[in-house]
N, C-alpha and C. Protein backbone atom coordinates (compact mmCIF):
# COMPACT_ATOMS: atom_id res chain seq x y z
N UNK A 1 0.87 -1.77 0.38
CA UNK A 1 -0.18 -0.67 -0.02
C UNK A 1 0.53 1.44 -0.24
N UNK A 2 0.33 2.19 -0.11
CA UNK A 2 1.27 3.20 -0.46
C UNK A 2 0.83 4.17 1.24
N UNK A 3 2.45 4.47 0.99
CA UNK A 3 2.31 4.79 2.64
C UNK A 3 2.87 6.20 2.61
N UNK A 4 2.92 6.98 3.61
CA UNK A 4 3.73 8.13 3.71
C UNK A 4 4.61 8.35 4.74
N UNK A 5 5.62 8.95 5.24
CA UNK A 5 5.63 9.15 6.36
C UNK A 5 6.78 9.77 6.84
N UNK A 6 6.83 10.51 7.86
CA UNK A 6 7.25 11.98 8.28
C UNK A 6 7.89 11.35 9.34
N UNK A 7 9.29 11.84 9.76
CA UNK A 7 9.99 11.25 10.94
C UNK A 7 10.37 12.44 11.79
N UNK A 8 11.45 12.44 13.03
CA UNK A 8 12.36 12.97 13.53
C UNK A 8 13.10 12.30 14.67
N UNK A 9 14.32 12.77 15.12
CA UNK A 9 14.99 12.27 16.02
C UNK A 9 15.69 13.09 16.55
N UNK A 10 16.13 12.98 17.71
CA UNK A 10 17.34 14.20 18.13
C UNK A 10 18.51 13.14 19.40
N UNK A 11 19.16 12.79 19.40
CA UNK A 11 20.05 12.60 20.12
C UNK A 11 20.68 13.73 21.03
N UNK A 12 20.66 12.92 22.44
CA UNK A 12 20.95 14.50 23.43
C UNK A 12 22.08 13.42 24.16
N UNK A 13 23.31 14.20 23.90
CA UNK A 13 24.62 13.31 24.88
C UNK A 13 24.59 13.68 26.62
N UNK A 14 24.60 12.48 27.17
CA UNK A 14 24.55 12.78 28.46
C UNK A 14 25.89 13.23 29.15
N UNK A 15 26.38 13.95 29.63
CA UNK A 15 27.92 13.82 30.32
C UNK A 15 27.91 12.77 31.38
N UNK A 16 27.13 12.10 32.12
CA UNK A 16 26.52 11.27 32.98
C UNK A 16 27.76 10.18 33.03
N UNK A 17 27.72 9.18 32.60
CA UNK A 17 28.50 7.76 32.25
C UNK A 17 28.67 7.92 30.34
N UNK A 18 29.05 9.57 30.39
CA UNK A 18 29.54 9.04 28.60
C UNK A 18 28.09 9.01 27.86
N UNK A 19 27.22 8.68 28.24
CA UNK A 19 25.87 8.37 28.03
C UNK A 19 24.93 9.27 26.91
N UNK A 20 23.91 8.70 26.15
CA UNK A 20 23.35 8.90 25.04
C UNK A 20 21.89 9.17 25.37
N UNK A 21 20.72 9.94 24.78
CA UNK A 21 19.03 9.45 25.14
C UNK A 21 19.13 10.18 23.90
N UNK A 22 18.26 8.86 23.42
CA UNK A 22 17.67 9.42 21.65
C UNK A 22 15.91 9.17 21.87
N UNK A 23 15.56 10.78 21.42
CA UNK A 23 14.32 10.87 21.19
C UNK A 23 14.09 10.64 19.62
N UNK A 24 12.86 9.87 20.20
CA UNK A 24 12.26 9.68 17.86
C UNK A 24 10.60 9.81 18.03
N UNK A 25 10.38 10.10 17.20
CA UNK A 25 8.84 10.21 16.86
C UNK A 25 8.60 10.46 15.09
N UNK A 26 7.65 9.88 14.37
CA UNK A 26 7.16 9.53 13.01
C UNK A 26 5.49 9.68 12.85
N UNK A 27 5.09 9.89 12.12
CA UNK A 27 3.66 9.60 11.57
C UNK A 27 3.88 9.66 10.45
N UNK A 28 2.30 8.54 10.37
CA UNK A 28 2.41 7.55 9.42
C UNK A 28 1.24 7.50 8.45
N UNK A 29 0.94 7.80 7.88
CA UNK A 29 -0.84 7.82 7.19
C UNK A 29 -0.33 6.65 5.74
N UNK A 30 -1.18 5.57 6.35
CA UNK A 30 -1.30 4.89 5.00
C UNK A 30 -2.77 4.72 3.84
N UNK A 31 -2.77 4.90 2.52
CA UNK A 31 -3.46 5.61 1.34
C UNK A 31 -4.67 4.44 1.91
N UNK A 32 -6.31 5.24 2.08
CA UNK A 32 -6.77 4.90 2.48
C UNK A 32 -7.67 4.54 3.68
N UNK A 33 -6.46 4.14 5.02
CA UNK A 33 -6.48 3.92 5.69
C UNK A 33 -6.21 4.76 7.50
N UNK A 34 -6.15 4.29 8.43
CA UNK A 34 -6.00 5.15 9.21
C UNK A 34 -4.84 5.72 9.82
N UNK A 35 -3.95 7.01 10.48
CA UNK A 35 -2.78 7.28 10.35
C UNK A 35 -2.70 7.16 12.04
N UNK A 36 -1.40 6.83 11.88
CA UNK A 36 -0.86 6.05 13.11
C UNK A 36 0.44 7.07 13.79
N UNK A 37 0.79 7.54 14.90
CA UNK A 37 1.94 8.78 15.57
C UNK A 37 2.97 7.32 16.67
N UNK A 38 4.28 7.44 16.01
CA UNK A 38 4.67 6.45 16.95
C UNK A 38 5.85 7.04 17.68
N UNK A 39 6.18 6.92 18.98
CA UNK A 39 7.17 7.46 19.54
C UNK A 39 7.57 6.72 20.41
N UNK A 40 9.50 7.02 20.71
CA UNK A 40 9.79 6.48 21.74
C UNK A 40 11.20 7.11 21.85
N UNK A 41 12.08 6.12 22.87
CA UNK A 41 13.32 6.89 23.07
C UNK A 41 14.01 5.76 23.63
N UNK A 42 15.28 5.97 23.77
CA UNK A 42 16.55 4.81 23.86
C UNK A 42 17.04 6.03 24.43
N UNK A 43 18.13 5.10 25.91
CA UNK A 43 18.61 5.75 27.48
C UNK A 43 19.99 4.44 26.61
N UNK A 44 20.83 5.13 26.89
CA UNK A 44 22.41 4.21 26.97
C UNK A 44 23.05 4.81 27.84
N UNK A 45 23.28 4.53 29.26
CA UNK A 45 23.18 4.77 30.39
C UNK A 45 25.71 4.90 30.04
N UNK A 46 25.52 3.80 28.83
CA UNK A 46 27.00 3.43 28.20
C UNK A 46 26.73 2.19 27.61
N UNK A 47 27.95 2.57 26.75
CA UNK A 47 27.34 2.05 25.38
C UNK A 47 27.38 0.20 24.78
N UNK A 48 27.96 -0.15 25.93
CA UNK A 48 27.63 -1.72 26.40
C UNK A 48 25.92 -1.46 25.92
N UNK A 49 25.22 -0.63 27.02
CA UNK A 49 23.54 -1.17 27.25
C UNK A 49 22.42 -0.15 26.89
N UNK A 50 21.04 -0.47 26.64
CA UNK A 50 20.53 0.82 25.65
C UNK A 50 19.20 -0.47 26.61
N UNK A 51 18.20 0.75 26.81
CA UNK A 51 17.15 0.93 27.04
C UNK A 51 16.38 1.69 26.32
N UNK A 52 15.26 0.62 26.24
CA UNK A 52 14.07 1.64 25.02
C UNK A 52 12.70 1.09 25.85
N UNK A 53 12.19 2.24 25.11
CA UNK A 53 10.70 2.33 25.25
C UNK A 53 9.95 2.94 23.87
N UNK A 54 8.46 2.35 23.79
CA UNK A 54 7.74 3.46 22.51
C UNK A 54 6.58 3.28 22.99
N UNK A 55 5.90 3.49 22.02
CA UNK A 55 4.04 3.71 22.20
C UNK A 55 3.56 4.27 20.83
N UNK A 56 2.90 3.39 20.21
CA UNK A 56 2.33 3.86 19.05
C UNK A 56 0.49 3.91 19.10
N UNK A 57 -0.03 4.33 18.45
CA UNK A 57 -1.59 5.41 17.95
C UNK A 57 -1.97 4.82 17.42
N UNK A 58 -3.63 5.37 17.04
CA UNK A 58 -4.13 4.38 15.80
C UNK A 58 -3.98 3.31 15.98
N UNK A 59 -4.12 2.57 16.87
CA UNK A 59 -3.64 0.94 16.81
C UNK A 59 -5.06 0.03 17.61
N UNK A 60 -5.97 -0.40 17.25
CA UNK A 60 -6.25 -1.13 18.63
C UNK A 60 -6.11 -1.96 19.77
N UNK A 61 -5.00 -2.86 18.96
CA UNK A 61 -4.59 -3.66 19.71
C UNK A 61 -2.43 -3.25 20.22
N UNK A 62 -2.23 -2.15 19.61
CA UNK A 62 -1.28 -2.06 20.31
C UNK A 62 -1.27 -0.42 21.19
N UNK A 63 0.23 -0.37 21.29
CA UNK A 63 0.68 0.53 22.33
C UNK A 63 1.73 0.35 22.65
N UNK A 64 1.59 0.42 24.27
CA UNK A 64 2.78 0.13 24.78
C UNK A 64 4.19 -1.09 24.62
N UNK A 65 4.84 -0.77 24.23
CA UNK A 65 6.05 -1.56 24.10
C UNK A 65 7.69 -1.06 24.93
N UNK A 66 8.40 -2.24 25.35
CA UNK A 66 9.83 -1.71 25.85
C UNK A 66 10.89 -3.07 25.58
N UNK A 67 12.61 -2.16 25.61
CA UNK A 67 13.37 -4.25 25.13
C UNK A 67 14.06 -3.48 25.77
N UNK A 68 15.06 -4.32 25.42
CA UNK A 68 16.63 -3.33 25.34
C UNK A 68 17.77 -3.92 24.16
N UNK A 69 18.78 -3.05 24.10
CA UNK A 69 20.05 -4.10 23.21
C UNK A 69 21.27 -4.04 24.58
N UNK A 70 22.07 -4.95 23.36
CA UNK A 70 23.11 -5.44 24.21
C UNK A 70 23.89 -5.06 23.21
N UNK A 71 25.28 -4.75 23.34
CA UNK A 71 26.37 -4.68 22.04
C UNK A 71 28.47 -4.86 22.88
N UNK A 72 28.55 -5.99 22.05
CA UNK A 72 29.84 -6.09 22.42
C UNK A 72 30.51 -6.08 20.92
N UNK A 73 31.60 -5.90 20.50
CA UNK A 73 32.64 -5.83 19.58
C UNK A 73 31.70 -5.56 19.17
N UNK A 74 31.14 -6.66 17.87
CA UNK A 74 30.92 -6.62 16.42
C UNK A 74 29.22 -7.76 16.87
N UNK A 75 29.19 -7.79 17.77
CA UNK A 75 27.60 -8.62 18.04
C UNK A 75 26.67 -7.44 18.76
N UNK A 76 25.59 -7.87 18.47
CA UNK A 76 24.43 -6.73 19.10
C UNK A 76 23.36 -7.68 19.35
N UNK A 77 22.44 -7.98 20.34
CA UNK A 77 21.68 -8.34 21.00
C UNK A 77 20.47 -7.90 21.18
N UNK A 78 19.35 -8.13 20.47
CA UNK A 78 17.99 -6.50 20.77
C UNK A 78 16.79 -7.77 21.37
N UNK A 79 16.45 -7.28 22.52
CA UNK A 79 14.76 -7.54 22.37
C UNK A 79 13.54 -6.88 23.41
N UNK A 80 12.81 -6.98 22.73
CA UNK A 80 11.76 -6.66 22.43
C UNK A 80 9.98 -7.26 22.97
N UNK A 81 9.29 -6.71 23.80
CA UNK A 81 8.11 -6.88 24.06
C UNK A 81 7.35 -6.26 24.31
N UNK A 82 6.00 -6.16 22.91
CA UNK A 82 5.47 -6.04 21.85
C UNK A 82 3.98 -6.88 22.85
N UNK A 83 3.23 -6.47 23.32
CA UNK A 83 1.53 -6.80 24.35
C UNK A 83 0.33 -6.39 23.54
N UNK A 84 -0.21 -7.39 23.25
CA UNK A 84 -1.26 -7.05 22.23
C UNK A 84 -2.64 -6.83 23.04
N UNK A 85 -3.50 -6.77 22.85
CA UNK A 85 -4.79 -6.27 23.61
C UNK A 85 -5.03 -7.34 23.34
N UNK A 86 -5.42 -8.56 22.21
CA UNK A 86 -6.54 -9.29 21.78
C UNK A 86 -5.99 -10.47 22.24
N UNK A 87 -6.48 -11.81 21.88
CA UNK A 87 -6.53 -13.10 22.06
C UNK A 87 -4.80 -13.90 21.50
N UNK A 88 -4.47 -12.91 21.29
CA UNK A 88 -3.13 -13.65 20.75
C UNK A 88 -2.25 -13.53 21.63
N UNK A 89 -2.04 -12.80 22.75
CA UNK A 89 -1.14 -12.92 23.27
C UNK A 89 -0.15 -11.86 23.39
N UNK A 90 0.98 -11.70 23.86
CA UNK A 90 1.83 -10.12 23.55
C UNK A 90 3.59 -11.67 22.83
N UNK A 91 4.00 -10.22 22.32
CA UNK A 91 4.83 -11.02 21.51
C UNK A 91 6.59 -10.84 22.18
N UNK A 92 7.54 -11.24 22.12
CA UNK A 92 8.46 -11.45 22.55
C UNK A 92 9.51 -11.68 21.40
N UNK A 93 10.04 -10.51 21.01
CA UNK A 93 11.61 -10.36 19.78
C UNK A 93 12.47 -10.46 19.98
N UNK A 94 13.70 -10.93 19.73
CA UNK A 94 14.83 -11.12 19.90
C UNK A 94 15.59 -11.41 18.35
N UNK A 95 16.65 -10.57 18.37
CA UNK A 95 17.36 -10.49 17.26
C UNK A 95 19.09 -10.32 17.78
N UNK A 96 19.57 -11.38 16.59
CA UNK A 96 21.35 -11.14 17.40
C UNK A 96 22.09 -10.86 15.94
N UNK A 97 23.06 -10.08 16.26
CA UNK A 97 23.11 -9.09 14.81
C UNK A 97 24.80 -9.47 15.04
N UNK A 98 26.10 -9.45 13.59
CA UNK A 98 27.35 -9.42 13.78
C UNK A 98 27.75 -8.34 12.84
N UNK A 99 28.68 -8.09 12.79
CA UNK A 99 29.16 -7.34 11.25
C UNK A 99 30.29 -7.63 11.47
N UNK A 100 30.36 -7.70 10.16
CA UNK A 100 31.22 -8.68 9.59
C UNK A 100 32.32 -7.47 9.11
C-alpha cells in the first residue's frame, strides 16, 4: 500500500557515564487507512547497554512496548516485549546481529 511517513529524531548527549538519550517520533499515513503516530526513546547509560520504550497510536491492539539492546565488539543482541490486547497474547522479539 501507498504509505507516507514523516519522522524526526534527536540525540541528547549525557555527561553522566558518557551516555546518550535518543528521542524519536514519526507520523505514518497509509492510503485510505487511519493514520498512526509513533514515539520512542532509547537511553544508553554506557556504550554496552541500551534501554528502549515506545508507544504506537491509532491501533486497537498495540500501544506501549519496551526492550533493551546489548552490544559487544561486533555483536549486538536486541530484545523487545510488545503486548497485544487481543487473544493472540504478547510478542517477544529477539535478534542477534554480527558485523563482518
